[in-house]
Amino acid sequence: MNWDDLKIVLAVFRSGNAGTAATDLGLSHATISRRIAEIERNLGVALVDRSGLSWRPTPICAQVAAQAEQMEVLHDEALRVATAHSSDLSGPVHISVPTGTVEGFVAEALKDLPRLAPDIRLIFLIEDQFSDLPGRKADIAVRFTSSPDPDLIGQKVTQSAWGFYSSADLARVINAQVDEETTVMAPILTTERDGAFPDWARRYFDPASPCHFVYGFPSKAAMAAQGFGVAHLPRVIGDGTPRLTLLSKLASPLETELWVLANSDTRSSKRISQVKRVLIDGLTAMRPRFFPTGE
């Protein structure tokens, strides 16, 4: 069984039918049916159960697909390692970014890239937690952090201030409490799924405050704008969101850095270096939005 055979088995297992597998692989339905029958005949096992109206992968198919998935990961990582050193200014560049940052500032920072390198294709991986640079699933990462991975290379673009945000109506209620109480009772938007009171709120907010779970910067901003509670956001996100009010009487103690990171061996990739350079230059020009001064 070669890699092409394994890709077909994997596609059939994932989709459960020949039609979807054919679409995913860019082949015809008839070709998938014929290839699966050939693989079954060569192996002497049944990979799909054809007794019903649709195919059902057999336990043997599931076992083969599990091995094929491991090979797929290794194949993709090997391909990324091999292409990382390309001197071409064409091809894909995978960028790992937190939720909300493409529309918040990353796309704007990269606005000159189509003119400077029109043959580079950007693929954004939207993920708040990342561990994929060493695994070669991304070429570049943009992250709010004060302690970047020492095994990566990168550049700190700017300091990033954070703030507490809410709707204008809730802000008036909170501001009235600030004048007379040491801690504020207000609903909190937390990224803890169990609704646990977040550490960032302990300095200013009463631990008895109700907590709503919401994930990602855009969702927190939207919920806060609708009056569901207080969101803790980077200033570049919060200040750019309509109908959000910065709680100016509650200064956030959190201050992080914005980094652009990559693997050390990507220095020789002209394609990746070009994207990094445009991204860093674009973000650098936006520094006042990350760390407003004079307020």
Protein backbone atom coordinates (compact mmCIF):
# COMPACT_ATOMS: atom_id res chain seq x y z
CA MET A 1 0.00 0.00 0.00
CA ASN A 2 1.52 3.33 -1.06
CA TRP A 3 0.85 6.87 0.20
CA ASP A 4 -1.73 7.54 -2.53
CA ASP A 5 -3.69 4.48 -1.37
CA LEU A 6 -3.52 5.64 2.25
CA LYS A 7 -4.80 9.09 1.31
CA ILE A 8 -7.86 7.51 -0.27
CA VAL A 9 -8.53 5.29 2.76
CA LEU A 10 -8.12 8.31 5.06
CA ALA A 11 -10.49 10.44 2.97
CA VAL A 12 -13.14 7.69 2.92
CA PHE A 13 -12.82 7.17 6.69
CA ARG A 14 -13.17 10.89 7.40
CA SER A 15 -16.13 11.43 5.10
CA GLY A 16 -17.84 8.04 5.34
CA ASN A 17 -18.78 8.04 1.67
CA ALA A 18 -17.21 7.96 -1.76
CA GLY A 19 -18.79 11.18 -2.99
CA THR A 20 -17.33 13.47 -0.34
CA ALA A 21 -13.99 11.68 -0.45
CA ALA A 22 -13.89 12.21 -4.22
CA THR A 23 -14.60 15.92 -3.80
CA ASP A 24 -11.92 16.29 -1.12
CA LEU A 25 -9.30 14.59 -3.29
CA GLY A 26 -10.36 16.10 -6.61
CA LEU A 27 -11.24 12.70 -8.06
CA SER A 28 -14.44 11.18 -9.45
CA HIS A 29 -16.86 9.06 -7.46
CA ALA A 30 -16.15 6.13 -9.77
CA THR A 31 -12.41 6.45 -9.25
CA ILE A 32 -12.75 6.36 -5.46
CA SER A 33 -15.03 3.30 -5.62
CA ARG A 34 -12.64 1.51 -7.95
CA ARG A 35 -9.54 2.36 -5.90
CA ILE A 36 -11.12 1.26 -2.62
CA ALA A 37 -12.16 -2.04 -4.22
CA GLU A 38 -8.59 -2.54 -5.53
CA ILE A 39 -7.08 -1.79 -2.10
CA GLU A 40 -9.49 -4.21 -0.42
CA ARG A 41 -8.66 -6.89 -2.97
CA ASN A 42 -4.91 -6.42 -2.55
CA LEU A 43 -5.13 -6.47 1.25
CA GLY A 44 -7.75 -9.18 1.50
CA VAL A 45 -9.86 -7.16 3.97
CA ALA A 46 -13.04 -5.10 3.86
CA LEU A 47 -12.51 -1.39 4.43
CA VAL A 48 -16.14 -0.30 4.01
CA ASP A 49 -19.47 -1.94 4.80
CA ARG A 50 -21.69 -1.63 1.72
CA SER A 51 -24.74 -3.40 3.17
CA GLY A 52 -26.70 -0.19 3.86
CA LEU A 53 -27.69 2.79 1.77
CA SER A 54 -24.32 4.41 2.40
CA TRP A 55 -20.79 3.25 3.16
CA ARG A 56 -19.71 2.62 6.73
CA PRO A 57 -15.95 2.36 7.45
CA THR A 58 -15.05 -0.96 9.08
CA PRO A 59 -12.86 -1.28 12.21
CA ILE A 60 -9.95 -2.26 9.93
CA CYS A 61 -10.47 0.97 7.97
CA ALA A 62 -10.34 2.94 11.23
CA GLN A 63 -7.03 1.30 12.20
CA VAL A 64 -5.47 1.94 8.79
CA ALA A 65 -6.75 5.54 8.83
CA ALA A 66 -5.16 6.14 12.25
CA GLN A 67 -1.77 5.14 10.85
CA ALA A 68 -2.38 7.22 7.73
CA GLU A 69 -3.10 10.30 9.87
CA GLN A 70 0.30 9.97 11.52
CA MET A 71 1.93 9.68 8.12
CA GLU A 72 -0.02 12.75 6.94
CA VAL A 73 1.36 14.81 9.83
CA LEU A 74 4.93 13.66 9.14
CA HIS A 75 4.51 14.31 5.43
CA ASP A 76 3.23 17.86 6.01
CA GLU A 77 6.02 18.65 8.50
CA ALA A 78 8.69 17.28 6.16
CA LEU A 79 7.30 19.36 3.31
CA ARG A 80 7.31 22.50 5.45
CA VAL A 81 10.92 21.92 6.54
CA ALA A 82 11.97 21.41 2.93
CA THR A 83 10.22 24.53 1.67
CA ALA A 84 11.23 26.77 4.58
CA HIS A 85 14.57 27.45 2.88
CA SER A 86 13.08 28.36 -0.47
CA SER A 87 14.57 31.43 -2.12
CA ASP A 88 11.37 32.05 -4.10
CA LEU A 89 9.08 34.97 -3.42
CA SER A 90 6.06 32.80 -4.14
CA GLY A 91 4.03 30.19 -2.33
CA PRO A 92 2.17 29.93 0.96
CA VAL A 93 3.12 31.45 4.31
CA HIS A 94 1.20 30.21 7.37
CA ILE A 95 0.68 32.82 10.09
CA SER A 96 -0.60 31.89 13.55
CA VAL A 97 -2.58 34.73 15.19
CA PRO A 98 -4.99 35.12 18.12
CA THR A 99 -8.71 35.49 17.41
CA GLY A 100 -9.70 38.99 16.36
CA THR A 101 -6.24 40.18 15.41
CA VAL A 102 -6.57 39.73 11.64
CA GLU A 103 -9.41 42.23 11.49
CA GLY A 104 -8.03 44.14 14.48
CA PHE A 105 -4.59 45.01 13.10
CA VAL A 106 -2.75 42.17 11.28
CA ALA A 107 -4.47 42.62 7.92
CA GLU A 108 -3.82 46.36 8.07
CA ALA A 109 -0.15 45.77 8.90
CA LEU A 110 0.19 43.53 5.84
CA LYS A 111 -1.64 45.82 3.40
CA ASP A 112 1.53 46.48 1.33
CA LEU A 113 2.36 42.78 0.85
CA PRO A 114 0.28 42.22 -2.34
CA ARG A 115 2.19 45.04 -4.02
CA LEU A 116 5.63 43.93 -2.82
CA ALA A 117 5.17 40.17 -3.25
CA PRO A 118 2.02 39.40 -5.25
CA ASP A 119 2.79 35.66 -5.54
CA ILE A 120 2.87 35.00 -1.78
CA ARG A 121 -0.29 33.38 -0.41
CA LEU A 122 -1.21 34.00 3.22
CA ILE A 123 -2.86 31.26 5.28
CA PHE A 124 -4.02 32.43 8.72
CA LEU A 125 -4.30 29.96 11.60
CA ILE A 126 -6.63 31.50 14.16
CA GLU A 127 -5.73 30.15 17.60
CA ASP A 128 -5.35 31.82 20.98
CA GLN A 129 -2.97 29.14 22.25
CA PHE A 130 -0.16 28.07 19.98
CA SER A 131 2.50 25.39 20.05
CA ASP A 132 2.73 24.87 16.32
CA LEU A 133 5.84 26.81 15.29
CA PRO A 134 8.26 24.13 16.47
CA GLY A 135 5.96 21.55 14.89
CA ARG A 136 6.13 23.38 11.54
CA LYS A 137 2.40 23.93 11.31
CA ALA A 138 2.99 27.67 11.02
CA ASP A 139 5.83 29.80 9.66
CA ILE A 140 5.19 32.97 11.67
CA ALA A 141 3.30 33.72 14.87
CA VAL A 142 1.98 37.04 16.18
CA ARG A 143 1.50 36.96 19.95
CA PHE A 144 0.86 39.12 23.00
CA THR A 145 3.49 37.83 25.44
CA SER A 146 6.23 38.98 27.77
CA SER A 147 8.15 35.70 27.65
CA PRO A 148 8.47 34.36 24.10
CA ASP A 149 9.82 30.84 23.53
CA PRO A 150 13.64 31.11 23.73
CA ASP A 151 13.98 28.52 20.95
CA LEU A 152 12.28 30.88 18.49
CA ILE A 153 13.64 33.98 16.82
CA GLY A 154 11.58 37.12 16.77
CA GLN A 155 11.25 40.80 17.30
CA LYS A 156 9.37 42.71 19.95
CA VAL A 157 7.33 45.25 18.05
CA THR A 158 5.86 47.28 20.88
CA GLN A 159 4.57 47.37 24.43
CA SER A 160 0.86 46.62 24.57
CA ALA A 161 -1.39 48.24 27.14
CA TRP A 162 -4.64 46.59 28.25
CA GLY A 163 -7.85 48.06 29.59
CA PHE A 164 -11.23 47.25 31.11
CA TYR A 165 -14.16 47.85 28.73
CA SER A 166 -17.95 47.80 29.00
CA SER A 167 -21.03 49.39 27.48
CA ALA A 168 -21.56 53.07 28.20
CA ASP A 169 -24.52 52.33 30.52
CA LEU A 170 -22.57 49.80 32.58
CA ALA A 171 -19.58 52.14 32.66
CA ARG A 172 -21.67 54.81 34.36
CA VAL A 173 -22.76 52.33 37.03
CA ILE A 174 -19.19 51.13 37.60
CA ASN A 175 -17.75 54.64 37.73
CA ALA A 176 -20.25 55.53 40.43
CA GLN A 177 -19.11 52.53 42.48
CA VAL A 178 -15.43 53.41 42.10
CA ASP A 179 -15.97 56.65 44.00
CA GLU A 180 -17.37 54.89 47.05
CA GLU A 181 -16.12 51.28 47.11
CA THR A 182 -12.71 49.63 47.04
CA THR A 183 -13.93 46.82 44.79
CA VAL A 184 -16.63 46.94 42.14
CA MET A 185 -19.56 44.55 41.81
CA ALA A 186 -20.04 44.02 38.07
CA PRO A 187 -20.51 41.08 35.69
CA ILE A 188 -17.21 39.78 34.32
CA LEU A 189 -16.50 38.20 30.91
CA THR A 190 -14.05 35.37 31.49
CA THR A 191 -12.34 32.83 29.24
CA GLU A 192 -12.51 30.18 31.99
CA ARG A 193 -15.12 27.63 30.93
CA ASP A 194 -16.15 26.94 34.52
CA GLY A 195 -16.90 30.61 35.03
CA ALA A 196 -14.08 31.01 37.56
CA PHE A 197 -13.30 34.55 38.67
CA PRO A 198 -10.28 35.64 36.58
CA ASP A 199 -7.00 36.75 38.13
CA TRP A 200 -6.98 40.02 36.16
CA ALA A 201 -10.16 41.16 37.92
CA ARG A 202 -9.06 40.60 41.53
CA ARG A 203 -7.54 44.03 42.08
CA TYR A 204 -10.67 46.01 41.25
CA PHE A 205 -13.71 43.71 41.15
CA ASP A 206 -15.60 41.92 43.90
CA PRO A 207 -14.98 38.13 43.68
CA ALA A 208 -18.73 37.66 44.14
CA SER A 209 -19.33 39.29 40.75
CA PRO A 210 -21.13 37.01 38.26
CA CYS A 211 -18.97 35.63 35.45
CA HIS A 212 -19.96 34.84 31.87
CA PHE A 213 -17.79 32.55 29.74
CA VAL A 214 -16.88 33.89 26.28
CA TYR A 215 -13.86 32.97 24.18
CA GLY A 216 -11.70 35.25 22.05
CA PHE A 217 -11.17 38.99 21.80
CA PRO A 218 -13.99 39.71 19.27
CA SER A 219 -16.59 37.77 21.26
CA LYS A 220 -15.58 39.42 24.53
CA ALA A 221 -15.74 42.85 22.89
CA ALA A 222 -19.16 42.16 21.35
CA MET A 223 -20.60 40.85 24.62
CA ALA A 224 -19.24 43.83 26.55
CA ALA A 225 -20.68 46.27 23.99
CA GLN A 226 -24.10 44.65 24.49
CA GLY A 227 -23.91 45.23 28.24
CA PHE A 228 -23.20 41.66 29.39
CA GLY A 229 -20.19 42.64 31.48
CA VAL A 230 -16.62 43.92 31.66
CA ALA A 231 -14.05 42.68 29.15
CA HIS A 232 -10.28 42.83 29.62
CA LEU A 233 -8.77 43.59 26.22
CA PRO A 234 -5.62 44.93 24.57
CA ARG A 235 -6.12 48.64 23.94
CA VAL A 236 -5.62 48.12 20.19
CA ILE A 237 -8.69 45.83 20.19
CA GLY A 238 -10.86 47.62 22.72
CA ASP A 239 -10.31 51.16 21.46
CA GLY A 240 -11.15 50.05 17.93
CA THR A 241 -14.45 48.38 18.82
CA PRO A 242 -17.60 50.51 18.35
CA ARG A 243 -19.87 51.08 21.36
CA LEU A 244 -17.20 50.02 23.87
CA THR A 245 -16.27 52.37 26.67
CA LEU A 246 -12.87 52.28 28.38
CA LEU A 247 -13.23 52.31 32.18
CA SER A 248 -10.74 55.13 32.67
CA LYS A 249 -11.03 55.06 36.47
CA LEU A 250 -9.82 51.45 36.55
CA ALA A 251 -6.31 51.26 35.11
CA SER A 252 -5.40 47.71 34.11
CA PRO A 253 -2.23 46.47 35.83
CA LEU A 254 -1.46 44.18 32.86
CA GLU A 255 1.06 45.28 30.25
CA THR A 256 2.42 42.83 27.70
CA GLU A 257 4.52 42.95 24.56
CA LEU A 258 3.62 42.23 20.96
CA TRP A 259 6.04 39.83 19.24
CA VAL A 260 6.47 38.48 15.73
CA LEU A 261 8.04 35.02 16.05
CA ALA A 262 9.45 32.32 13.76
CA ASN A 263 11.74 29.30 13.77
CA SER A 264 15.45 30.11 13.59
CA ASP A 265 16.00 28.18 10.36
CA THR A 266 13.51 30.35 8.47
CA ARG A 267 16.12 33.10 8.13
CA SER A 268 17.12 31.62 4.77
CA SER A 269 13.56 31.70 3.41
CA LYS A 270 13.11 34.77 1.24
CA ARG A 271 9.36 34.27 1.25
CA ILE A 272 8.97 34.09 5.02
CA SER A 273 11.47 36.90 5.61
CA GLN A 274 9.53 39.18 3.25
CA VAL A 275 6.26 38.60 5.12
CA LYS A 276 7.97 39.13 8.49
CA ARG A 277 9.54 42.38 7.33
CA VAL A 278 6.27 43.81 5.99
CA LEU A 279 4.39 42.64 9.10
CA ILE A 280 6.91 44.13 11.53
CA ASP A 281 7.08 47.44 9.63
CA GLY A 282 3.30 47.67 9.51
CA LEU A 283 2.87 46.91 13.21
CA THR A 284 5.63 49.32 14.17
CA ALA A 285 3.78 52.13 12.41
CA MET A 286 0.75 51.32 14.57
CA ARG A 287 2.53 51.56 17.95
CA PRO A 288 0.43 54.47 19.32
CA ARG A 289 -2.67 52.28 19.04
CA PHE A 290 -1.07 49.53 21.14
CA PHE A 291 0.25 51.86 23.84
CA PRO A 292 -1.68 55.15 23.92
CA THR A 293 0.07 57.95 25.78
CA GLY A 294 -0.90 61.39 26.95
CA GLU A 295 -4.31 60.37 28.28
